[in-house]
Every structure is written in C-alpha cells, then in structure tokens.
C-alpha cells in the first residue's frame, strides 16, 4: 500500500508558491488551494468579453487561433 503526499501531510512542489519555486512570469498568481487560482482578468470580466467578441465575429483573438483560421481558409490544412 502506498501513502500519498497528502496523507503524510506534505505538499508537492507545484502546490507551494514559496521562494524555492521560481516562475519566469511577471504576473503573480495568488494560490488559494491546490487547483484553485485567482485571475484578475476573469474577475473583471475581460475573459468573458473576449470570448463573446470571438464568438460573434468568428475570428479568434489569439495569434495562434488567427493563424490556424487563416491556414484553413487558404487550404493549407
């Protein structure tokens, strides 16, 4: 029988946001609990607005999405 980290009362390296974990991003994520994070863009409704614009126009707002759409339109894939 194996004992998980949670059963031993330990946390994995991805669950802690201490100084030993170095993120290359400049945005600091507030860790609420394992699997839950706070996003200021979602709190302000920016994510939902971008989604509504994309669905209404049919044009993705991400660079990769626009490239995929253009590639399909030109018949590349």
PDB file of N, CA and C in Angstrom:
ATOM      1  N   UNK A   1       0.851  -1.179   0.000  1.00  0.00           N
ATOM      2  CA  UNK A   1       0.000   0.000   0.000  1.00  0.00           C
ATOM      3  C   UNK A   1       0.892   1.235   0.000  1.00  0.00           C
ATOM      4  N   UNK A   2       0.607   2.177  -0.905  1.00  0.00           N
ATOM      5  CA  UNK A   2       1.395   3.402  -0.964  1.00  0.00           C
ATOM      6  C   UNK A   2       0.664   4.528  -0.251  1.00  0.00           C
ATOM      7  N   UNK A   3       1.436   5.423   0.321  1.00  0.00           N
ATOM      8  CA  UNK A   3       0.882   6.573   1.024  1.00  0.00           C
ATOM      9  C   UNK A   3       1.188   7.813   0.197  1.00  0.00           C
ATOM     10  N   UNK A   4       0.162   8.588  -0.112  1.00  0.00           N
ATOM     11  CA  UNK A   4       0.351   9.780  -0.927  1.00  0.00           C
ATOM     12  C   UNK A   4       0.927  10.913  -0.085  1.00  0.00           C
ATOM     13  N   UNK A   5       1.372  11.972  -0.776  1.00  0.00           N
ATOM     14  CA  UNK A   5       1.909  13.139  -0.074  1.00  0.00           C
ATOM     15  C   UNK A   5       0.867  13.770   0.825  1.00  0.00           C
ATOM     16  N   UNK A   6      -0.388  13.828   0.360  1.00  0.00           N
ATOM     17  CA  UNK A   6      -1.452  14.449   1.144  1.00  0.00           C
ATOM     18  C   UNK A   6      -1.715  13.672   2.424  1.00  0.00           C
ATOM     19  N   UNK A   7      -1.614  12.352   2.375  1.00  0.00           N
ATOM     20  CA  UNK A   7      -1.856  11.545   3.564  1.00  0.00           C
ATOM     21  C   UNK A   7      -0.738  11.728   4.585  1.00  0.00           C
ATOM     22  N   UNK A   8       0.475  12.016   4.113  1.00  0.00           N
ATOM     23  CA  UNK A   8       1.584  12.247   5.035  1.00  0.00           C
ATOM     24  C   UNK A   8       1.634  13.687   5.518  1.00  0.00           C
ATOM     25  N   UNK A   9       0.768  14.554   4.979  1.00  0.00           N
ATOM     26  CA  UNK A   9       0.743  15.949   5.394  1.00  0.00           C
ATOM     27  C   UNK A   9       1.755  16.804   4.650  1.00  0.00           C
ATOM     28  N   UNK A  10       2.323  16.299   3.544  1.00  0.00           N
ATOM     29  CA  UNK A  10       3.293  17.047   2.769  1.00  0.00           C
ATOM     30  C   UNK A  10       2.625  17.604   1.522  1.00  0.00           C
ATOM     31  N   UNK A  11       3.265  18.607   0.922  1.00  0.00           N
ATOM     32  CA  UNK A  11       2.738  19.197  -0.295  1.00  0.00           C
ATOM     33  C   UNK A  11       3.774  19.067  -1.387  1.00  0.00           C
ATOM     34  N   UNK A  12       3.315  18.934  -2.612  1.00  0.00           N
ATOM     35  CA  UNK A  12       4.238  18.817  -3.732  1.00  0.00           C
ATOM     36  C   UNK A  12       4.802  20.188  -4.100  1.00  0.00           C
ATOM     37  N   UNK A  13       5.822  20.214  -4.937  1.00  0.00           N
ATOM     38  CA  UNK A  13       6.481  21.459  -5.316  1.00  0.00           C
ATOM     39  C   UNK A  13       5.553  22.372  -6.100  1.00  0.00           C
ATOM     40  N   UNK A  14       4.581  21.815  -6.820  1.00  0.00           N
ATOM     41  CA  UNK A  14       3.668  22.626  -7.620  1.00  0.00           C
ATOM     42  C   UNK A  14       2.581  23.273  -6.782  1.00  0.00           C
ATOM     43  N   UNK A  15       2.329  22.766  -5.581  1.00  0.00           N
ATOM     44  CA  UNK A  15       1.273  23.308  -4.724  1.00  0.00           C
ATOM     45  C   UNK A  15       1.754  24.480  -3.885  1.00  0.00           C
ATOM     46  N   UNK A  16       3.030  24.642  -3.728  1.00  0.00           N
ATOM     47  CA  UNK A  16       3.554  25.721  -2.904  1.00  0.00           C
ATOM     48  C   UNK A  16       4.045  26.853  -3.779  1.00  0.00           C
ATOM     49  N   UNK A  17       3.862  28.061  -3.314  1.00  0.00           N
ATOM     50  CA  UNK A  17       4.322  29.228  -4.060  1.00  0.00           C
ATOM     51  C   UNK A  17       5.393  29.950  -3.247  1.00  0.00           C
ATOM     52  N   UNK A  18       6.313  29.199  -2.708  1.00  0.00           N
ATOM     53  CA  UNK A  18       7.366  29.765  -1.873  1.00  0.00           C
ATOM     54  C   UNK A  18       8.529  30.269  -2.698  1.00  0.00           C
ATOM     55  N   UNK A  19       9.567  30.784  -2.024  1.00  0.00           N
ATOM     56  CA  UNK A  19      10.719  31.329  -2.742  1.00  0.00           C
ATOM     57  C   UNK A  19      11.536  30.279  -3.467  1.00  0.00           C
ATOM     58  N   UNK A  20      11.394  28.995  -3.083  1.00  0.00           N
ATOM     59  CA  UNK A  20      12.159  27.961  -3.756  1.00  0.00           C
ATOM     60  C   UNK A  20      11.640  27.671  -5.151  1.00  0.00           C
ATOM     61  N   UNK A  21      10.420  28.107  -5.449  1.00  0.00           N
ATOM     62  CA  UNK A  21       9.833  27.906  -6.768  1.00  0.00           C
ATOM     63  C   UNK A  21       9.989  29.196  -7.559  1.00  0.00           C
ATOM     64  N   UNK A  22      10.698  29.129  -8.661  1.00  0.00           N
ATOM     65  CA  UNK A  22      10.920  30.337  -9.446  1.00  0.00           C
ATOM     66  C   UNK A  22      10.103  30.285 -10.722  1.00  0.00           C
ATOM     67  N   UNK A  23       9.175  31.213 -10.849  1.00  0.00           N
ATOM     68  CA  UNK A  23       8.359  31.317 -12.051  1.00  0.00           C
ATOM     69  C   UNK A  23       8.976  32.384 -12.940  1.00  0.00           C
ATOM     70  N   UNK A  24       8.972  32.153 -14.246  1.00  0.00           N
ATOM     71  CA  UNK A  24       9.525  33.126 -15.171  1.00  0.00           C
ATOM     72  C   UNK A  24       8.522  34.213 -15.502  1.00  0.00           C
ATOM     73  N   UNK A  25       7.252  34.040 -15.116  1.00  0.00           N
ATOM     74  CA  UNK A  25       6.251  35.047 -15.443  1.00  0.00           C
ATOM     75  C   UNK A  25       6.325  36.207 -14.463  1.00  0.00           C
ATOM     76  N   UNK A  26       5.952  37.390 -14.943  1.00  0.00           N
ATOM     77  CA  UNK A  26       5.989  38.560 -14.095  1.00  0.00           C
ATOM     78  C   UNK A  26       4.699  38.714 -13.311  1.00  0.00           C
ATOM     79  N   UNK A  27       3.657  37.988 -13.708  1.00  0.00           N
ATOM     80  CA  UNK A  27       2.379  38.059 -13.020  1.00  0.00           C
ATOM     81  C   UNK A  27       2.392  37.076 -11.867  1.00  0.00           C
ATOM     82  N   UNK A  28       2.011  37.547 -10.698  1.00  0.00           N
ATOM     83  CA  UNK A  28       1.999  36.696  -9.517  1.00  0.00           C
ATOM     84  C   UNK A  28       0.617  36.084  -9.386  1.00  0.00           C
ATOM     85  N   UNK A  29       0.548  34.759  -9.364  1.00  0.00           N
ATOM     86  CA  UNK A  29      -0.714  34.059  -9.173  1.00  0.00           C
ATOM     87  C   UNK A  29      -0.954  33.883  -7.687  1.00  0.00           C
ATOM     88  N   UNK A  30      -2.147  34.238  -7.237  1.00  0.00           N
ATOM     89  CA  UNK A  30      -2.485  34.024  -5.847  1.00  0.00           C
ATOM     90  C   UNK A  30      -3.026  32.602  -5.727  1.00  0.00           C
ATOM     91  N   UNK A  31      -2.340  31.768  -4.998  1.00  0.00           N
ATOM     92  CA  UNK A  31      -2.730  30.375  -4.841  1.00  0.00           C
ATOM     93  C   UNK A  31      -3.704  30.290  -3.674  1.00  0.00           C
ATOM     94  N   UNK A  32      -4.922  29.853  -3.944  1.00  0.00           N
ATOM     95  CA  UNK A  32      -5.929  29.730  -2.903  1.00  0.00           C
ATOM     96  C   UNK A  32      -5.897  28.349  -2.273  1.00  0.00           C
ATOM     97  N   UNK A  33      -5.889  27.346  -3.089  1.00  0.00           N
ATOM     98  CA  UNK A  33      -5.832  25.963  -2.655  1.00  0.00           C
ATOM     99  C   UNK A  33      -5.320  25.162  -3.843  1.00  0.00           C
ATOM    100  N   UNK A  34      -4.913  23.939  -3.649  1.00  0.00           N
ATOM    101  CA  UNK A  34      -4.463  23.165  -4.801  1.00  0.00           C
ATOM    102  C   UNK A  34      -5.541  23.091  -5.882  1.00  0.00           C
ATOM    103  N   UNK A  35      -5.210  23.577  -7.057  1.00  0.00           N
ATOM    104  CA  UNK A  35      -6.148  23.565  -8.168  1.00  0.00           C
ATOM    105  C   UNK A  35      -6.958  24.830  -8.329  1.00  0.00           C
ATOM    106  N   UNK A  36      -6.875  25.753  -7.381  1.00  0.00           N
ATOM    107  CA  UNK A  36      -7.633  26.998  -7.457  1.00  0.00           C
ATOM    108  C   UNK A  36      -6.677  28.179  -7.492  1.00  0.00           C
ATOM    109  N   UNK A  37      -6.848  29.067  -8.436  1.00  0.00           N
ATOM    110  CA  UNK A  37      -6.039  30.277  -8.514  1.00  0.00           C
ATOM    111  C   UNK A  37      -6.951  31.459  -8.772  1.00  0.00           C
ATOM    112  N   UNK A  38      -6.459  32.651  -8.479  1.00  0.00           N
ATOM    113  CA  UNK A  38      -7.210  33.878  -8.706  1.00  0.00           C
ATOM    114  C   UNK A  38      -6.719  34.529  -9.985  1.00  0.00           C
ATOM    115  N   UNK A  39      -7.637  34.958 -10.826  1.00  0.00           N
ATOM    116  CA  UNK A  39      -7.294  35.639 -12.058  1.00  0.00           C
ATOM    117  C   UNK A  39      -7.998  36.991 -12.086  1.00  0.00           C
ATOM    118  N   UNK A  40      -7.229  38.064 -12.145  1.00  0.00           N
ATOM    119  CA  UNK A  40      -7.834  39.398 -12.165  1.00  0.00           C
ATOM    120  C   UNK A  40      -8.564  39.643 -13.479  1.00  0.00           C
ATOM    121  N   UNK A  41      -8.123  39.016 -14.569  1.00  0.00           N
ATOM    122  CA  UNK A  41      -8.817  39.185 -15.846  1.00  0.00           C
ATOM    123  C   UNK A  41     -10.212  38.554 -15.799  1.00  0.00           C
ATOM    124  N   UNK A  42     -10.306  37.386 -15.184  1.00  0.00           N
ATOM    125  CA  UNK A  42     -11.622  36.742 -15.068  1.00  0.00           C
ATOM    126  C   UNK A  42     -12.498  37.497 -14.087  1.00  0.00           C
ATOM    127  N   UNK A  43     -11.903  38.047 -13.014  1.00  0.00           N
ATOM    128  CA  UNK A  43     -12.680  38.799 -12.028  1.00  0.00           C
ATOM    129  C   UNK A  43     -13.285  40.057 -12.639  1.00  0.00           C
ATOM    130  N   UNK A  44     -12.568  40.704 -13.552  1.00  0.00           N
ATOM    131  CA  UNK A  44     -13.071  41.917 -14.197  1.00  0.00           C
ATOM    132  C   UNK A  44     -13.961  41.622 -15.405  1.00  0.00           C
ATOM    133  N   UNK A  45     -14.016  40.373 -15.850  1.00  0.00           N
ATOM    134  CA  UNK A  45     -14.867  40.003 -16.970  1.00  0.00           C
ATOM    135  C   UNK A  45     -14.203  40.144 -18.321  1.00  0.00           C
ATOM    136  N   UNK A  46     -12.893  40.339 -18.347  1.00  0.00           N
ATOM    137  CA  UNK A  46     -12.174  40.510 -19.614  1.00  0.00           C
ATOM    138  C   UNK A  46     -12.203  39.217 -20.418  1.00  0.00           C
ATOM    139  N   UNK A  47     -12.047  38.090 -19.751  1.00  0.00           N
ATOM    140  CA  UNK A  47     -12.049  36.795 -20.432  1.00  0.00           C
ATOM    141  C   UNK A  47     -13.392  36.544 -21.112  1.00  0.00           C
ATOM    142  N   UNK A  48     -14.481  36.820 -20.409  1.00  0.00           N
ATOM    143  CA  UNK A  48     -15.816  36.606 -20.978  1.00  0.00           C
ATOM    144  C   UNK A  48     -16.061  37.548 -22.150  1.00  0.00           C
ATOM    145  N   UNK A  49     -15.611  38.788 -22.047  1.00  0.00           N
ATOM    146  CA  UNK A  49     -15.788  39.757 -23.126  1.00  0.00           C
ATOM    147  C   UNK A  49     -15.044  39.323 -24.385  1.00  0.00           C
ATOM    148  N   UNK A  50     -13.794  38.879 -24.218  1.00  0.00           N
ATOM    149  CA  UNK A  50     -13.015  38.415 -25.364  1.00  0.00           C
ATOM    150  C   UNK A  50     -13.680  37.204 -26.013  1.00  0.00           C
ATOM    151  N   UNK A  51     -14.227  36.325 -25.196  1.00  0.00           N
ATOM    152  CA  UNK A  51     -14.908  35.133 -25.715  1.00  0.00           C
ATOM    153  C   UNK A  51     -16.147  35.527 -26.522  1.00  0.00           C
ATOM    154  N   UNK A  52     -16.915  36.491 -26.010  1.00  0.00           N
ATOM    155  CA  UNK A  52     -18.115  36.933 -26.719  1.00  0.00           C
ATOM    156  C   UNK A  52     -17.760  37.576 -28.057  1.00  0.00           C
ATOM    157  N   UNK A  53     -16.691  38.370 -28.085  1.00  0.00           N
ATOM    158  CA  UNK A  53     -16.250  39.014 -29.330  1.00  0.00           C
ATOM    159  C   UNK A  53     -15.835  37.959 -30.345  1.00  0.00           C
ATOM    160  N   UNK A  54     -15.074  36.977 -29.892  1.00  0.00           N
ATOM    161  CA  UNK A  54     -14.614  35.915 -30.795  1.00  0.00           C
ATOM    162  C   UNK A  54     -15.781  35.118 -31.362  1.00  0.00           C
ATOM    163  N   UNK A  55     -16.758  34.803 -30.511  1.00  0.00           N
ATOM    164  CA  UNK A  55     -17.905  34.029 -30.979  1.00  0.00           C
ATOM    165  C   UNK A  55     -18.763  34.837 -31.940  1.00  0.00           C
ATOM    166  N   UNK A  56     -18.912  36.139 -31.699  1.00  0.00           N
ATOM    167  CA  UNK A  56     -19.749  36.981 -32.553  1.00  0.00           C
ATOM    168  C   UNK A  56     -19.116  37.204 -33.928  1.00  0.00           C
ATOM    169  N   UNK A  57     -17.804  37.438 -33.957  1.00  0.00           N
ATOM    170  CA  UNK A  57     -17.136  37.732 -35.225  1.00  0.00           C
ATOM    171  C   UNK A  57     -16.665  36.484 -35.942  1.00  0.00           C
ATOM    172  N   UNK A  58     -16.441  35.407 -35.200  1.00  0.00           N
ATOM    173  CA  UNK A  58     -15.920  34.181 -35.798  1.00  0.00           C
ATOM    174  C   UNK A  58     -14.413  34.219 -36.005  1.00  0.00           C
ATOM    175  N   UNK A  59     -13.766  35.260 -35.471  1.00  0.00           N
ATOM    176  CA  UNK A  59     -12.315  35.407 -35.614  1.00  0.00           C
ATOM    177  C   UNK A  59     -11.679  35.266 -34.229  1.00  0.00           C
ATOM    178  N   UNK A  60     -10.774  34.323 -34.044  1.00  0.00           N
ATOM    179  CA  UNK A  60     -10.117  34.157 -32.749  1.00  0.00           C
ATOM    180  C   UNK A  60      -9.245  35.376 -32.401  1.00  0.00           C
ATOM    181  N   UNK A  61      -9.132  35.671 -31.124  1.00  0.00           N
ATOM    182  CA  UNK A  61      -8.327  36.810 -30.690  1.00  0.00           C
ATOM    183  C   UNK A  61      -6.887  36.423 -30.383  1.00  0.00           C
ATOM    184  N   UNK A  62      -6.585  35.136 -30.321  1.00  0.00           N
ATOM    185  CA  UNK A  62      -5.205  34.729 -30.061  1.00  0.00           C
ATOM    186  C   UNK A  62      -4.450  34.648 -31.379  1.00  0.00           C
ATOM    187  N   UNK A  63      -3.165  34.851 -31.316  1.00  0.00           N
ATOM    188  CA  UNK A  63      -2.339  34.813 -32.516  1.00  0.00           C
ATOM    189  C   UNK A  63      -2.378  33.431 -33.172  1.00  0.00           C
ATOM    190  N   UNK A  64      -2.241  32.398 -32.354  1.00  0.00           N
ATOM    191  CA  UNK A  64      -2.245  31.033 -32.883  1.00  0.00           C
ATOM    192  C   UNK A  64      -3.601  30.697 -33.502  1.00  0.00           C
ATOM    193  N   UNK A  65      -4.687  31.159 -32.884  1.00  0.00           N
ATOM    194  CA  UNK A  65      -6.010  30.896 -33.421  1.00  0.00           C
ATOM    195  C   UNK A  65      -6.218  31.571 -34.768  1.00  0.00           C
ATOM    196  N   UNK A  66      -5.751  32.811 -34.879  1.00  0.00           N
ATOM    197  CA  UNK A  66      -5.867  33.516 -36.163  1.00  0.00           C
ATOM    198  C   UNK A  66      -5.047  32.827 -37.237  1.00  0.00           C
ATOM    199  N   UNK A  67      -3.849  32.346 -36.886  1.00  0.00           N
ATOM    200  CA  UNK A  67      -3.008  31.648 -37.859  1.00  0.00           C
ATOM    201  C   UNK A  67      -3.654  30.342 -38.314  1.00  0.00           C
ATOM    202  N   UNK A  68      -4.256  29.595 -37.380  1.00  0.00           N
ATOM    203  CA  UNK A  68      -4.949  28.358 -37.737  1.00  0.00           C
ATOM    204  C   UNK A  68      -6.114  28.641 -38.673  1.00  0.00           C
ATOM    205  N   UNK A  69      -6.896  29.676 -38.343  1.00  0.00           N
ATOM    206  CA  UNK A  69      -8.050  30.017 -39.172  1.00  0.00           C
ATOM    207  C   UNK A  69      -7.605  30.439 -40.574  1.00  0.00           C
ATOM    208  N   UNK A  70      -6.579  31.252 -40.678  1.00  0.00           N
ATOM    209  CA  UNK A  70      -6.062  31.681 -41.980  1.00  0.00           C
ATOM    210  C   UNK A  70      -5.522  30.492 -42.767  1.00  0.00           C
ATOM    211  N   UNK A  71      -4.825  29.595 -42.100  1.00  0.00           N
ATOM    212  CA  UNK A  71      -4.288  28.400 -42.765  1.00  0.00           C
ATOM    213  C   UNK A  71      -5.386  27.519 -43.319  1.00  0.00           C
ATOM    214  N   UNK A  72      -6.463  27.339 -42.533  1.00  0.00           N
ATOM    215  CA  UNK A  72      -7.581  26.547 -43.032  1.00  0.00           C
ATOM    216  C   UNK A  72      -8.277  27.249 -44.191  1.00  0.00           C
ATOM    217  N   UNK A  73      -8.406  28.577 -44.104  1.00  0.00           N
ATOM    218  CA  UNK A  73      -9.076  29.343 -45.151  1.00  0.00           C
ATOM    219  C   UNK A  73      -8.305  29.279 -46.464  1.00  0.00           C
ATOM    220  N   UNK A  74      -6.968  29.265 -46.359  1.00  0.00           N
ATOM    221  CA  UNK A  74      -6.142  29.188 -47.565  1.00  0.00           C
ATOM    222  C   UNK A  74      -5.981  27.745 -48.054  1.00  0.00           C
ATOM    223  N   UNK A  75      -6.498  26.786 -47.316  1.00  0.00           N
ATOM    224  CA  UNK A  75      -6.445  25.392 -47.729  1.00  0.00           C
ATOM    225  C   UNK A  75      -5.146  24.698 -47.421  1.00  0.00           C
ATOM    226  N   UNK A  76      -4.393  25.225 -46.480  1.00  0.00           N
ATOM    227  CA  UNK A  76      -3.112  24.590 -46.129  1.00  0.00           C
ATOM    228  C   UNK A  76      -3.325  23.354 -45.279  1.00  0.00           C
ATOM    229  N   UNK A  77      -4.340  23.289 -44.508  1.00  0.00           N
ATOM    230  CA  UNK A  77      -4.625  22.094 -43.687  1.00  0.00           C
ATOM    231  C   UNK A  77      -6.062  22.113 -43.282  1.00  0.00           C
TER     232      UNK A  77
END
